[in-house]
Amino acid sequence: MKIVAAYLLAALGGKASPAADDVKKILESVGVEPDEARLQLFFDQVSGKDITELVAAGREKLASVPAGGGAVAVSAAPSGGAGAAAAEAPKEEKKVEEKEESDDDMGFSLFD
């Protein structure tokens, strides 16, 4: 992802097709040492392609990825005895309340 972000930053900076050296300079400027193998693999896959086409293709692929939050799909009904125990009410988490230090321990109060 770092390589992709650096590539897109170079493109936004005015380079029509950024080179590996451009991406390296961006990554090194923020303290990231680029992995040569991944950098080469990335440029092998994007060489000769337009950035807008790559983004459009990526959007199509991401459209099929579920992007749900906390909701989980529930199956119809548990079929075994072990599933029935899992379907019971969730266990309540016990919260341990920490005592706040009182002003009495310090020997003074802000409002005295």
C-alpha atoms as a PDB file:
ATOM      1  CA  MET A   1       0.000   0.000   0.000  1.00  0.00           C
ATOM      2  CA  LYS A   2       2.888   2.355   0.698  1.00  0.00           C
ATOM      3  CA  ILE A   3       4.200   1.880  -2.810  1.00  0.00           C
ATOM      4  CA  VAL A   4       0.763   2.502  -4.302  1.00  0.00           C
ATOM      5  CA  ALA A   5       0.307   5.639  -2.201  1.00  0.00           C
ATOM      6  CA  ALA A   6       3.731   6.966  -3.194  1.00  0.00           C
ATOM      7  CA  TYR A   7       3.015   6.194  -6.850  1.00  0.00           C
ATOM      8  CA  LEU A   8      -0.258   8.097  -6.708  1.00  0.00           C
ATOM      9  CA  LEU A   9       1.400  11.020  -4.892  1.00  0.00           C
ATOM     10  CA  ALA A  10       4.007  11.223  -7.648  1.00  0.00           C
ATOM     11  CA  ALA A  11       1.230  11.174 -10.242  1.00  0.00           C
ATOM     12  CA  LEU A  12      -0.629  13.944  -8.422  1.00  0.00           C
ATOM     13  CA  GLY A  13       2.630  15.883  -8.306  1.00  0.00           C
ATOM     14  CA  GLY A  14       2.687  16.103 -12.081  1.00  0.00           C
ATOM     15  CA  LYS A  15       4.415  12.954 -13.298  1.00  0.00           C
ATOM     16  CA  ALA A  16       2.321  11.299 -16.013  1.00  0.00           C
ATOM     17  CA  SER A  17       3.933   7.926 -15.366  1.00  0.00           C
ATOM     18  CA  PRO A  18       6.130   7.936 -12.247  1.00  0.00           C
ATOM     19  CA  ALA A  19       9.300   5.859 -12.286  1.00  0.00           C
ATOM     20  CA  ALA A  20      10.639   3.615  -9.538  1.00  0.00           C
ATOM     21  CA  ASP A  21      13.142   6.307  -8.527  1.00  0.00           C
ATOM     22  CA  ASP A  22      10.290   8.793  -7.990  1.00  0.00           C
ATOM     23  CA  VAL A  23       8.511   6.362  -5.700  1.00  0.00           C
ATOM     24  CA  LYS A  24      11.759   5.587  -3.845  1.00  0.00           C
ATOM     25  CA  LYS A  25      12.397   9.287  -3.218  1.00  0.00           C
ATOM     26  CA  ILE A  26       8.897   9.765  -1.794  1.00  0.00           C
ATOM     27  CA  LEU A  27       9.156   6.725   0.467  1.00  0.00           C
ATOM     28  CA  GLU A  28      12.628   7.655   1.702  1.00  0.00           C
ATOM     29  CA  SER A  29      11.494  11.217   2.426  1.00  0.00           C
ATOM     30  CA  VAL A  30       9.119   9.865   5.080  1.00  0.00           C
ATOM     31  CA  GLY A  31      11.580   7.361   6.513  1.00  0.00           C
ATOM     32  CA  VAL A  32      10.396   4.206   4.750  1.00  0.00           C
ATOM     33  CA  GLU A  33      12.955   1.914   3.166  1.00  0.00           C
ATOM     34  CA  PRO A  34      11.363   0.529  -0.019  1.00  0.00           C
ATOM     35  CA  ASP A  35      11.431  -3.213  -0.641  1.00  0.00           C
ATOM     36  CA  GLU A  36      13.095  -3.641  -4.031  1.00  0.00           C
ATOM     37  CA  ALA A  37      11.288  -6.892  -4.856  1.00  0.00           C
ATOM     38  CA  ARG A  38       7.839  -5.441  -4.178  1.00  0.00           C
ATOM     39  CA  LEU A  39       8.733  -2.236  -5.988  1.00  0.00           C
ATOM     40  CA  GLN A  40       9.797  -4.212  -9.053  1.00  0.00           C
ATOM     41  CA  LEU A  41       6.661  -6.373  -8.897  1.00  0.00           C
ATOM     42  CA  PHE A  42       4.473  -3.268  -8.665  1.00  0.00           C
ATOM     43  CA  PHE A  43       6.107  -1.612 -11.679  1.00  0.00           C
ATOM     44  CA  ASP A  44       5.934  -4.844 -13.678  1.00  0.00           C
ATOM     45  CA  GLN A  45       2.161  -4.848 -13.167  1.00  0.00           C
ATOM     46  CA  VAL A  46       1.467  -1.159 -13.838  1.00  0.00           C
ATOM     47  CA  SER A  47       3.954  -0.412 -16.602  1.00  0.00           C
ATOM     48  CA  GLY A  48       2.278   0.948 -19.714  1.00  0.00           C
ATOM     49  CA  LYS A  49      -1.110   1.416 -18.025  1.00  0.00           C
ATOM     50  CA  ASP A  50      -2.965   4.638 -17.415  1.00  0.00           C
ATOM     51  CA  ILE A  51      -3.611   5.597 -13.783  1.00  0.00           C
ATOM     52  CA  THR A  52      -7.291   6.343 -14.370  1.00  0.00           C
ATOM     53  CA  GLU A  53      -7.772   2.895 -15.906  1.00  0.00           C
ATOM     54  CA  LEU A  54      -6.010   1.263 -12.933  1.00  0.00           C
ATOM     55  CA  VAL A  55      -8.214   3.132 -10.448  1.00  0.00           C
ATOM     56  CA  ALA A  56     -11.364   2.241 -12.403  1.00  0.00           C
ATOM     57  CA  ALA A  57     -10.381  -1.435 -12.493  1.00  0.00           C
ATOM     58  CA  GLY A  58      -9.660  -1.348  -8.768  1.00  0.00           C
ATOM     59  CA  ARG A  59     -13.042   0.174  -8.026  1.00  0.00           C
ATOM     60  CA  GLU A  60     -14.768  -2.604  -9.946  1.00  0.00           C
ATOM     61  CA  LYS A  61     -12.895  -5.216  -7.927  1.00  0.00           C
ATOM     62  CA  LEU A  62     -13.644  -3.475  -4.625  1.00  0.00           C
ATOM     63  CA  ALA A  63     -17.345  -3.248  -5.446  1.00  0.00           C
ATOM     64  CA  SER A  64     -17.686  -6.974  -4.835  1.00  0.00           C
ATOM     65  CA  VAL A  65     -15.935  -6.846  -1.437  1.00  0.00           C
ATOM     66  CA  PRO A  66     -18.332  -6.734   1.506  1.00  0.00           C
ATOM     67  CA  ALA A  67     -17.841  -3.538   3.452  1.00  0.00           C
ATOM     68  CA  GLY A  68     -20.191  -4.098   6.365  1.00  0.00           C
ATOM     69  CA  GLY A  69     -19.571  -2.675   9.780  1.00  0.00           C
ATOM     70  CA  GLY A  70     -20.683  -4.424  12.921  1.00  0.00           C
ATOM     71  CA  ALA A  71     -23.617  -6.301  11.407  1.00  0.00           C
ATOM     72  CA  VAL A  72     -23.081  -9.999  10.889  1.00  0.00           C
ATOM     73  CA  ALA A  73     -25.246 -12.259   8.783  1.00  0.00           C
ATOM     74  CA  VAL A  74     -26.927 -14.870  10.955  1.00  0.00           C
ATOM     75  CA  SER A  75     -27.599 -18.384   9.711  1.00  0.00           C
ATOM     76  CA  ALA A  76     -31.134 -19.807   9.853  1.00  0.00           C
ATOM     77  CA  ALA A  77     -30.992 -22.019  12.942  1.00  0.00           C
ATOM     78  CA  PRO A  78     -28.363 -23.973  14.799  1.00  0.00           C
ATOM     79  CA  SER A  79     -28.643 -27.655  14.033  1.00  0.00           C
ATOM     80  CA  GLY A  80     -26.727 -29.203  16.912  1.00  0.00           C
ATOM     81  CA  GLY A  81     -26.560 -29.094  20.682  1.00  0.00           C
ATOM     82  CA  ALA A  82     -23.287 -27.191  20.632  1.00  0.00           C
ATOM     83  CA  GLY A  83     -24.818 -24.550  18.400  1.00  0.00           C
ATOM     84  CA  ALA A  84     -27.661 -24.005  20.857  1.00  0.00           C
ATOM     85  CA  ALA A  85     -25.240 -23.012  23.595  1.00  0.00           C
ATOM     86  CA  ALA A  86     -23.624 -20.508  21.266  1.00  0.00           C
ATOM     87  CA  ALA A  87     -27.001 -19.051  20.351  1.00  0.00           C
ATOM     88  CA  GLU A  88     -27.798 -18.197  23.973  1.00  0.00           C
ATOM     89  CA  ALA A  89     -27.480 -14.657  25.253  1.00  0.00           C
ATOM     90  CA  PRO A  90     -23.951 -13.283  25.059  1.00  0.00           C
ATOM     91  CA  LYS A  91     -21.967 -13.192  28.265  1.00  0.00           C
ATOM     92  CA  GLU A  92     -21.836  -9.872  30.004  1.00  0.00           C
ATOM     93  CA  GLU A  93     -18.432  -8.391  30.442  1.00  0.00           C
ATOM     94  CA  LYS A  94     -17.619  -7.369  33.957  1.00  0.00           C
ATOM     95  CA  LYS A  95     -16.242  -3.887  34.097  1.00  0.00           C
ATOM     96  CA  VAL A  96     -13.806  -3.137  36.827  1.00  0.00           C
ATOM     97  CA  GLU A  97     -14.128   0.431  37.932  1.00  0.00           C
ATOM     98  CA  GLU A  98     -10.912   2.018  38.969  1.00  0.00           C
ATOM     99  CA  LYS A  99     -11.072   4.335  41.922  1.00  0.00           C
ATOM    100  CA  GLU A 100      -9.990   7.840  41.187  1.00  0.00           C
ATOM    101  CA  GLU A 101      -7.467   9.326  43.470  1.00  0.00           C
ATOM    102  CA  SER A 102      -9.175  11.677  45.838  1.00  0.00           C
ATOM    103  CA  ASP A 103      -7.982  15.138  46.682  1.00  0.00           C
ATOM    104  CA  ASP A 104      -7.831  14.102  50.357  1.00  0.00           C
ATOM    105  CA  ASP A 105      -4.704  12.104  49.651  1.00  0.00           C
ATOM    106  CA  MET A 106      -2.857  15.202  48.545  1.00  0.00           C
ATOM    107  CA  GLY A 107      -3.716  17.247  51.597  1.00  0.00           C
ATOM    108  CA  PHE A 108      -5.304  20.120  49.687  1.00  0.00           C
ATOM    109  CA  SER A 109      -8.171  20.876  47.370  1.00  0.00           C
ATOM    110  CA  LEU A 110      -8.312  23.152  44.388  1.00  0.00           C
ATOM    111  CA  PHE A 111     -11.445  24.830  45.667  1.00  0.00           C
ATOM    112  CA  ASP A 112     -10.423  25.511  49.337  1.00  0.00           C
END
